Amino acid sequence: MMKRVLVGAGLVYLNFALVGRLVEAMGAVRCRCPQSCWCHRPVLSTFRWVFPFKHTPADGEDTGNLAHVP
């Protein structure tokens, strides 16, 4: 039972990551971090929308690295 719950939670997390990646590919959102941030690495970029943690500020910004494109 516990294994089923953990696998289900993992699949939901992966689905959110893939949907976030799809929304970014459509151009609805973008990450304003510099290229040196962890979220621009090939595999990790998929998880930037479900794990927005410790993004490198761009040009002295404190927050708002994950932004909707107007």
PDB file of N, CA and C in Angstrom:
ATOM      1  N   MET A   1       0.825  -1.198   0.000  1.00  0.00           N
ATOM      2  CA  MET A   1       0.000   0.000   0.000  1.00  0.00           C
ATOM      3  C   MET A   1       0.867   1.259   0.000  1.00  0.00           C
ATOM      4  N   MET A   2       1.884   1.276   0.860  1.00  0.00           N
ATOM      5  CA  MET A   2       2.763   2.450   0.945  1.00  0.00           C
ATOM      6  C   MET A   2       3.557   2.633  -0.338  1.00  0.00           C
ATOM      7  N   LYS A   3       3.978   1.520  -0.933  1.00  0.00           N
ATOM      8  CA  LYS A   3       4.724   1.596  -2.188  1.00  0.00           C
ATOM      9  C   LYS A   3       3.854   2.206  -3.285  1.00  0.00           C
ATOM     10  N   ARG A   4       2.595   1.842  -3.328  1.00  0.00           N
ATOM     11  CA  ARG A   4       1.664   2.365  -4.324  1.00  0.00           C
ATOM     12  C   ARG A   4       1.479   3.879  -4.149  1.00  0.00           C
ATOM     13  N   VAL A   5       1.401   4.334  -2.913  1.00  0.00           N
ATOM     14  CA  VAL A   5       1.247   5.764  -2.633  1.00  0.00           C
ATOM     15  C   VAL A   5       2.497   6.528  -3.067  1.00  0.00           C
ATOM     16  N   LEU A   6       3.675   5.998  -2.756  1.00  0.00           N
ATOM     17  CA  LEU A   6       4.925   6.661  -3.126  1.00  0.00           C
ATOM     18  C   LEU A   6       5.113   6.704  -4.644  1.00  0.00           C
ATOM     19  N   VAL A   7       4.802   5.617  -5.317  1.00  0.00           N
ATOM     20  CA  VAL A   7       4.915   5.588  -6.780  1.00  0.00           C
ATOM     21  C   VAL A   7       3.919   6.559  -7.392  1.00  0.00           C
ATOM     22  N   GLY A   8       2.706   6.598  -6.855  1.00  0.00           N
ATOM     23  CA  GLY A   8       1.696   7.530  -7.349  1.00  0.00           C
ATOM     24  C   GLY A   8       2.126   8.971  -7.160  1.00  0.00           C
ATOM     25  N   ALA A   9       2.681   9.295  -5.999  1.00  0.00           N
ATOM     26  CA  ALA A   9       3.160  10.659  -5.736  1.00  0.00           C
ATOM     27  C   ALA A   9       4.311  11.010  -6.681  1.00  0.00           C
ATOM     28  N   GLY A  10       5.195  10.059  -6.934  1.00  0.00           N
ATOM     29  CA  GLY A  10       6.300  10.295  -7.860  1.00  0.00           C
ATOM     30  C   GLY A  10       5.814  10.545  -9.280  1.00  0.00           C
ATOM     31  N   LEU A  11       4.806   9.816  -9.695  1.00  0.00           N
ATOM     32  CA  LEU A  11       4.253  10.007 -11.036  1.00  0.00           C
ATOM     33  C   LEU A  11       3.546  11.357 -11.167  1.00  0.00           C
ATOM     34  N   VAL A  12       2.849  11.775 -10.120  1.00  0.00           N
ATOM     35  CA  VAL A  12       2.214  13.094 -10.139  1.00  0.00           C
ATOM     36  C   VAL A  12       3.276  14.186 -10.240  1.00  0.00           C
ATOM     37  N   TYR A  13       4.362  14.037  -9.481  1.00  0.00           N
ATOM     38  CA  TYR A  13       5.466  15.004  -9.516  1.00  0.00           C
ATOM     39  C   TYR A  13       6.070  15.079 -10.922  1.00  0.00           C
ATOM     40  N   LEU A  14       6.314  13.927 -11.526  1.00  0.00           N
ATOM     41  CA  LEU A  14       6.866  13.890 -12.880  1.00  0.00           C
ATOM     42  C   LEU A  14       5.914  14.516 -13.896  1.00  0.00           C
ATOM     43  N   ASN A  15       4.631  14.272 -13.738  1.00  0.00           N
ATOM     44  CA  ASN A  15       3.658  14.881 -14.640  1.00  0.00           C
ATOM     45  C   ASN A  15       3.670  16.397 -14.528  1.00  0.00           C
ATOM     46  N   PHE A  16       3.728  16.919 -13.298  1.00  0.00           N
ATOM     47  CA  PHE A  16       3.816  18.368 -13.117  1.00  0.00           C
ATOM     48  C   PHE A  16       5.088  18.922 -13.756  1.00  0.00           C
ATOM     49  N   ALA A  17       6.194  18.194 -13.631  1.00  0.00           N
ATOM     50  CA  ALA A  17       7.451  18.635 -14.238  1.00  0.00           C
ATOM     51  C   ALA A  17       7.325  18.689 -15.760  1.00  0.00           C
ATOM     52  N   LEU A  18       6.732  17.674 -16.344  1.00  0.00           N
ATOM     53  CA  LEU A  18       6.586  17.639 -17.795  1.00  0.00           C
ATOM     54  C   LEU A  18       5.610  18.700 -18.299  1.00  0.00           C
ATOM     55  N   VAL A  19       4.538  18.934 -17.565  1.00  0.00           N
ATOM     56  CA  VAL A  19       3.593  19.982 -17.950  1.00  0.00           C
ATOM     57  C   VAL A  19       4.269  21.347 -17.864  1.00  0.00           C
ATOM     58  N   GLY A  20       5.061  21.572 -16.818  1.00  0.00           N
ATOM     59  CA  GLY A  20       5.805  22.827 -16.702  1.00  0.00           C
ATOM     60  C   GLY A  20       6.766  23.026 -17.854  1.00  0.00           C
ATOM     61  N   ARG A  21       7.416  21.965 -18.254  1.00  0.00           N
ATOM     62  CA  ARG A  21       8.342  22.029 -19.391  1.00  0.00           C
ATOM     63  C   ARG A  21       7.584  22.339 -20.692  1.00  0.00           C
ATOM     64  N   LEU A  22       6.413  21.749 -20.845  1.00  0.00           N
ATOM     65  CA  LEU A  22       5.588  21.997 -22.023  1.00  0.00           C
ATOM     66  C   LEU A  22       5.116  23.450 -22.066  1.00  0.00           C
ATOM     67  N   VAL A  23       4.669  23.962 -20.925  1.00  0.00           N
ATOM     68  CA  VAL A  23       4.214  25.355 -20.859  1.00  0.00           C
ATOM     69  C   VAL A  23       5.366  26.306 -21.187  1.00  0.00           C
ATOM     70  N   GLU A  24       6.554  25.977 -20.714  1.00  0.00           N
ATOM     71  CA  GLU A  24       7.724  26.801 -21.025  1.00  0.00           C
ATOM     72  C   GLU A  24       8.053  26.724 -22.516  1.00  0.00           C
ATOM     73  N   ALA A  25       7.951  25.548 -23.094  1.00  0.00           N
ATOM     74  CA  ALA A  25       8.238  25.395 -24.520  1.00  0.00           C
ATOM     75  C   ALA A  25       7.233  26.161 -25.382  1.00  0.00           C
ATOM     76  N   MET A  26       6.000  26.296 -24.903  1.00  0.00           N
ATOM     77  CA  MET A  26       4.981  27.055 -25.621  1.00  0.00           C
ATOM     78  C   MET A  26       5.220  28.561 -25.525  1.00  0.00           C
ATOM     79  N   GLY A  27       6.071  28.969 -24.586  1.00  0.00           N
ATOM     80  CA  GLY A  27       6.396  30.381 -24.450  1.00  0.00           C
ATOM     81  C   GLY A  27       5.541  31.134 -23.452  1.00  0.00           C
ATOM     82  N   ALA A  28       4.737  30.425 -22.661  1.00  0.00           N
ATOM     83  CA  ALA A  28       3.863  31.087 -21.693  1.00  0.00           C
ATOM     84  C   ALA A  28       4.630  31.581 -20.465  1.00  0.00           C
ATOM     85  N   VAL A  29       5.704  30.908 -20.094  1.00  0.00           N
ATOM     86  CA  VAL A  29       6.538  31.303 -18.961  1.00  0.00           C
ATOM     87  C   VAL A  29       7.997  31.165 -19.367  1.00  0.00           C
ATOM     88  N   ARG A  30       8.853  31.843 -18.622  1.00  0.00           N
ATOM     89  CA  ARG A  30      10.288  31.710 -18.866  1.00  0.00           C
ATOM     90  C   ARG A  30      11.034  31.926 -17.565  1.00  0.00           C
ATOM     91  N   CYS A  31      12.222  31.419 -17.492  1.00  0.00           N
ATOM     92  CA  CYS A  31      13.067  31.591 -16.324  1.00  0.00           C
ATOM     93  C   CYS A  31      14.066  32.701 -16.626  1.00  0.00           C
ATOM     94  N   ARG A  32      14.154  33.678 -15.738  1.00  0.00           N
ATOM     95  CA  ARG A  32      15.039  34.820 -15.971  1.00  0.00           C
ATOM     96  C   ARG A  32      16.401  34.659 -15.299  1.00  0.00           C
ATOM     97  N   CYS A  33      16.710  33.466 -14.854  1.00  0.00           N
ATOM     98  CA  CYS A  33      18.016  33.227 -14.239  1.00  0.00           C
ATOM     99  C   CYS A  33      19.112  33.287 -15.295  1.00  0.00           C
ATOM    100  N   PRO A  34      20.350  33.619 -14.874  1.00  0.00           N
ATOM    101  CA  PRO A  34      21.461  33.562 -15.830  1.00  0.00           C
ATOM    102  C   PRO A  34      21.765  32.112 -16.213  1.00  0.00           C
ATOM    103  N   GLN A  35      22.486  31.918 -17.278  1.00  0.00           N
ATOM    104  CA  GLN A  35      22.798  30.582 -17.771  1.00  0.00           C
ATOM    105  C   GLN A  35      23.606  29.741 -16.790  1.00  0.00           C
ATOM    106  N   SER A  36      24.225  30.355 -15.791  1.00  0.00           N
ATOM    107  CA  SER A  36      25.028  29.610 -14.830  1.00  0.00           C
ATOM    108  C   SER A  36      24.179  28.978 -13.717  1.00  0.00           C
ATOM    109  N   CYS A  37      22.888  29.272 -13.654  1.00  0.00           N
ATOM    110  CA  CYS A  37      22.005  28.718 -12.621  1.00  0.00           C
ATOM    111  C   CYS A  37      21.796  27.224 -12.853  1.00  0.00           C
ATOM    112  N   TRP A  38      21.524  26.484 -11.776  1.00  0.00           N
ATOM    113  CA  TRP A  38      21.310  25.035 -11.874  1.00  0.00           C
ATOM    114  C   TRP A  38      20.147  24.684 -12.791  1.00  0.00           C
ATOM    115  N   CYS A  39      19.178  25.561 -12.882  1.00  0.00           N
ATOM    116  CA  CYS A  39      17.951  25.232 -13.620  1.00  0.00           C
ATOM    117  C   CYS A  39      18.130  25.267 -15.133  1.00  0.00           C
ATOM    118  N   HIS A  40      19.290  25.626 -15.623  1.00  0.00           N
ATOM    119  CA  HIS A  40      19.533  25.630 -17.069  1.00  0.00           C
ATOM    120  C   HIS A  40      20.343  24.415 -17.518  1.00  0.00           C
ATOM    121  N   ARG A  41      20.657  23.515 -16.597  1.00  0.00           N
ATOM    122  CA  ARG A  41      21.363  22.287 -16.977  1.00  0.00           C
ATOM    123  C   ARG A  41      20.383  21.345 -17.675  1.00  0.00           C
ATOM    124  N   PRO A  42      20.858  20.542 -18.606  1.00  0.00           N
ATOM    125  CA  PRO A  42      19.975  19.747 -19.466  1.00  0.00           C
ATOM    126  C   PRO A  42      18.881  18.943 -18.751  1.00  0.00           C
ATOM    127  N   VAL A  43      19.187  18.117 -17.797  1.00  0.00           N
ATOM    128  CA  VAL A  43      18.160  17.291 -17.155  1.00  0.00           C
ATOM    129  C   VAL A  43      17.417  18.080 -16.080  1.00  0.00           C
ATOM    130  N   LEU A  44      18.123  18.912 -15.340  1.00  0.00           N
ATOM    131  CA  LEU A  44      17.512  19.652 -14.245  1.00  0.00           C
ATOM    132  C   LEU A  44      16.519  20.707 -14.720  1.00  0.00           C
ATOM    133  N   SER A  45      16.662  21.176 -15.950  1.00  0.00           N
ATOM    134  CA  SER A  45      15.747  22.202 -16.450  1.00  0.00           C
ATOM    135  C   SER A  45      14.304  21.705 -16.500  1.00  0.00           C
ATOM    136  N   THR A  46      14.099  20.406 -16.590  1.00  0.00           N
ATOM    137  CA  THR A  46      12.744  19.853 -16.591  1.00  0.00           C
ATOM    138  C   THR A  46      12.051  20.098 -15.255  1.00  0.00           C
ATOM    139  N   PHE A  47      12.827  20.145 -14.177  1.00  0.00           N
ATOM    140  CA  PHE A  47      12.255  20.239 -12.841  1.00  0.00           C
ATOM    141  C   PHE A  47      12.232  21.663 -12.273  1.00  0.00           C
ATOM    142  N   ARG A  48      12.628  22.658 -13.046  1.00  0.00           N
ATOM    143  CA  ARG A  48      12.701  24.021 -12.506  1.00  0.00           C
ATOM    144  C   ARG A  48      11.349  24.550 -12.064  1.00  0.00           C
ATOM    145  N   TRP A  49      10.254  24.091 -12.656  1.00  0.00           N
ATOM    146  CA  TRP A  49       8.919  24.619 -12.325  1.00  0.00           C
ATOM    147  C   TRP A  49       8.283  23.899 -11.156  1.00  0.00           C
ATOM    148  N   VAL A  50       8.752  22.720 -10.810  1.00  0.00           N
ATOM    149  CA  VAL A  50       8.198  22.002  -9.658  1.00  0.00           C
ATOM    150  C   VAL A  50       9.164  22.012  -8.477  1.00  0.00           C
ATOM    151  N   PHE A  51      10.350  22.553  -8.673  1.00  0.00           N
ATOM    152  CA  PHE A  51      11.337  22.661  -7.606  1.00  0.00           C
ATOM    153  C   PHE A  51      12.061  24.001  -7.728  1.00  0.00           C
ATOM    154  N   PRO A  52      11.321  25.115  -7.601  1.00  0.00           N
ATOM    155  CA  PRO A  52      11.961  26.428  -7.747  1.00  0.00           C
ATOM    156  C   PRO A  52      12.717  26.802  -6.480  1.00  0.00           C
ATOM    157  N   PHE A  53      13.924  26.284  -6.321  1.00  0.00           N
ATOM    158  CA  PHE A  53      14.696  26.461  -5.099  1.00  0.00           C
ATOM    159  C   PHE A  53      16.090  26.979  -5.424  1.00  0.00           C
ATOM    160  N   LYS A  54      16.474  28.035  -4.747  1.00  0.00           N
ATOM    161  CA  LYS A  54      17.820  28.622  -4.850  1.00  0.00           C
ATOM    162  C   LYS A  54      18.222  28.954  -6.279  1.00  0.00           C
ATOM    163  N   HIS A  55      17.372  29.690  -6.948  1.00  0.00           N
ATOM    164  CA  HIS A  55      17.747  30.186  -8.268  1.00  0.00           C
ATOM    165  C   HIS A  55      18.751  31.318  -8.086  1.00  0.00           C
ATOM    166  N   THR A  56      19.688  31.415  -8.990  1.00  0.00           N
ATOM    167  CA  THR A  56      20.681  32.484  -8.962  1.00  0.00           C
ATOM    168  C   THR A  56      20.018  33.777  -9.414  1.00  0.00           C
ATOM    169  N   PRO A  57      20.059  34.831  -8.585  1.00  0.00           N
ATOM    170  CA  PRO A  57      19.429  36.092  -8.999  1.00  0.00           C
ATOM    171  C   PRO A  57      20.077  36.671 -10.247  1.00  0.00           C
ATOM    172  N   ALA A  58      19.268  37.204 -11.121  1.00  0.00           N
ATOM    173  CA  ALA A  58      19.757  37.828 -12.347  1.00  0.00           C
ATOM    174  C   ALA A  58      19.902  39.325 -12.134  1.00  0.00           C
ATOM    175  N   ASP A  59      21.081  39.851 -12.315  1.00  0.00           N
ATOM    176  CA  ASP A  59      21.341  41.281 -12.215  1.00  0.00           C
ATOM    177  C   ASP A  59      20.849  41.900 -10.916  1.00  0.00           C
ATOM    178  N   GLY A  60      21.117  41.240  -9.791  1.00  0.00           N
ATOM    179  CA  GLY A  60      20.774  41.801  -8.496  1.00  0.00           C
ATOM    180  C   GLY A  60      19.332  41.629  -8.066  1.00  0.00           C
ATOM    181  N   GLU A  61      18.523  40.885  -8.814  1.00  0.00           N
ATOM    182  CA  GLU A  61      17.141  40.655  -8.422  1.00  0.00           C
ATOM    183  C   GLU A  61      17.112  39.689  -7.244  1.00  0.00           C
ATOM    184  N   ASP A  62      16.181  39.927  -6.321  1.00  0.00           N
ATOM    185  CA  ASP A  62      16.044  39.030  -5.177  1.00  0.00           C
ATOM    186  C   ASP A  62      15.019  37.933  -5.423  1.00  0.00           C
ATOM    187  N   THR A  63      13.917  38.286  -6.085  1.00  0.00           N
ATOM    188  CA  THR A  63      12.853  37.327  -6.313  1.00  0.00           C
ATOM    189  C   THR A  63      12.337  37.473  -7.736  1.00  0.00           C
ATOM    190  N   GLY A  64      11.392  36.642  -8.072  1.00  0.00           N
ATOM    191  CA  GLY A  64      10.739  36.766  -9.358  1.00  0.00           C
ATOM    192  C   GLY A  64      11.511  36.170 -10.513  1.00  0.00           C
ATOM    193  N   ASN A  65      12.330  35.161 -10.257  1.00  0.00           N
ATOM    194  CA  ASN A  65      13.101  34.564 -11.336  1.00  0.00           C
ATOM    195  C   ASN A  65      12.245  33.725 -12.272  1.00  0.00           C
ATOM    196  N   LEU A  66      11.128  33.225 -11.765  1.00  0.00           N
ATOM    197  CA  LEU A  66      10.218  32.456 -12.599  1.00  0.00           C
ATOM    198  C   LEU A  66       9.084  33.400 -12.962  1.00  0.00           C
ATOM    199  N   ALA A  67       8.979  33.790 -14.212  1.00  0.00           N
ATOM    200  CA  ALA A  67       8.048  34.838 -14.590  1.00  0.00           C
ATOM    201  C   ALA A  67       7.153  34.433 -15.750  1.00  0.00           C
ATOM    202  N   HIS A  68       5.939  34.956 -15.704  1.00  0.00           N
ATOM    203  CA  HIS A  68       5.023  34.801 -16.835  1.00  0.00           C
ATOM    204  C   HIS A  68       5.449  35.798 -17.908  1.00  0.00           C
ATOM    205  N   VAL A  69       5.411  35.361 -19.126  1.00  0.00           N
ATOM    206  CA  VAL A  69       5.740  36.251 -20.243  1.00  0.00           C
ATOM    207  C   VAL A  69       4.476  37.010 -20.610  1.00  0.00           C
ATOM    208  N   PRO A  70       4.527  38.348 -20.607  1.00  0.00           N
ATOM    209  CA  PRO A  70       3.323  39.121 -20.924  1.00  0.00           C
ATOM    210  C   PRO A  70       2.919  38.993 -22.384  1.00  0.00           C
TER     211      PRO A  70
END
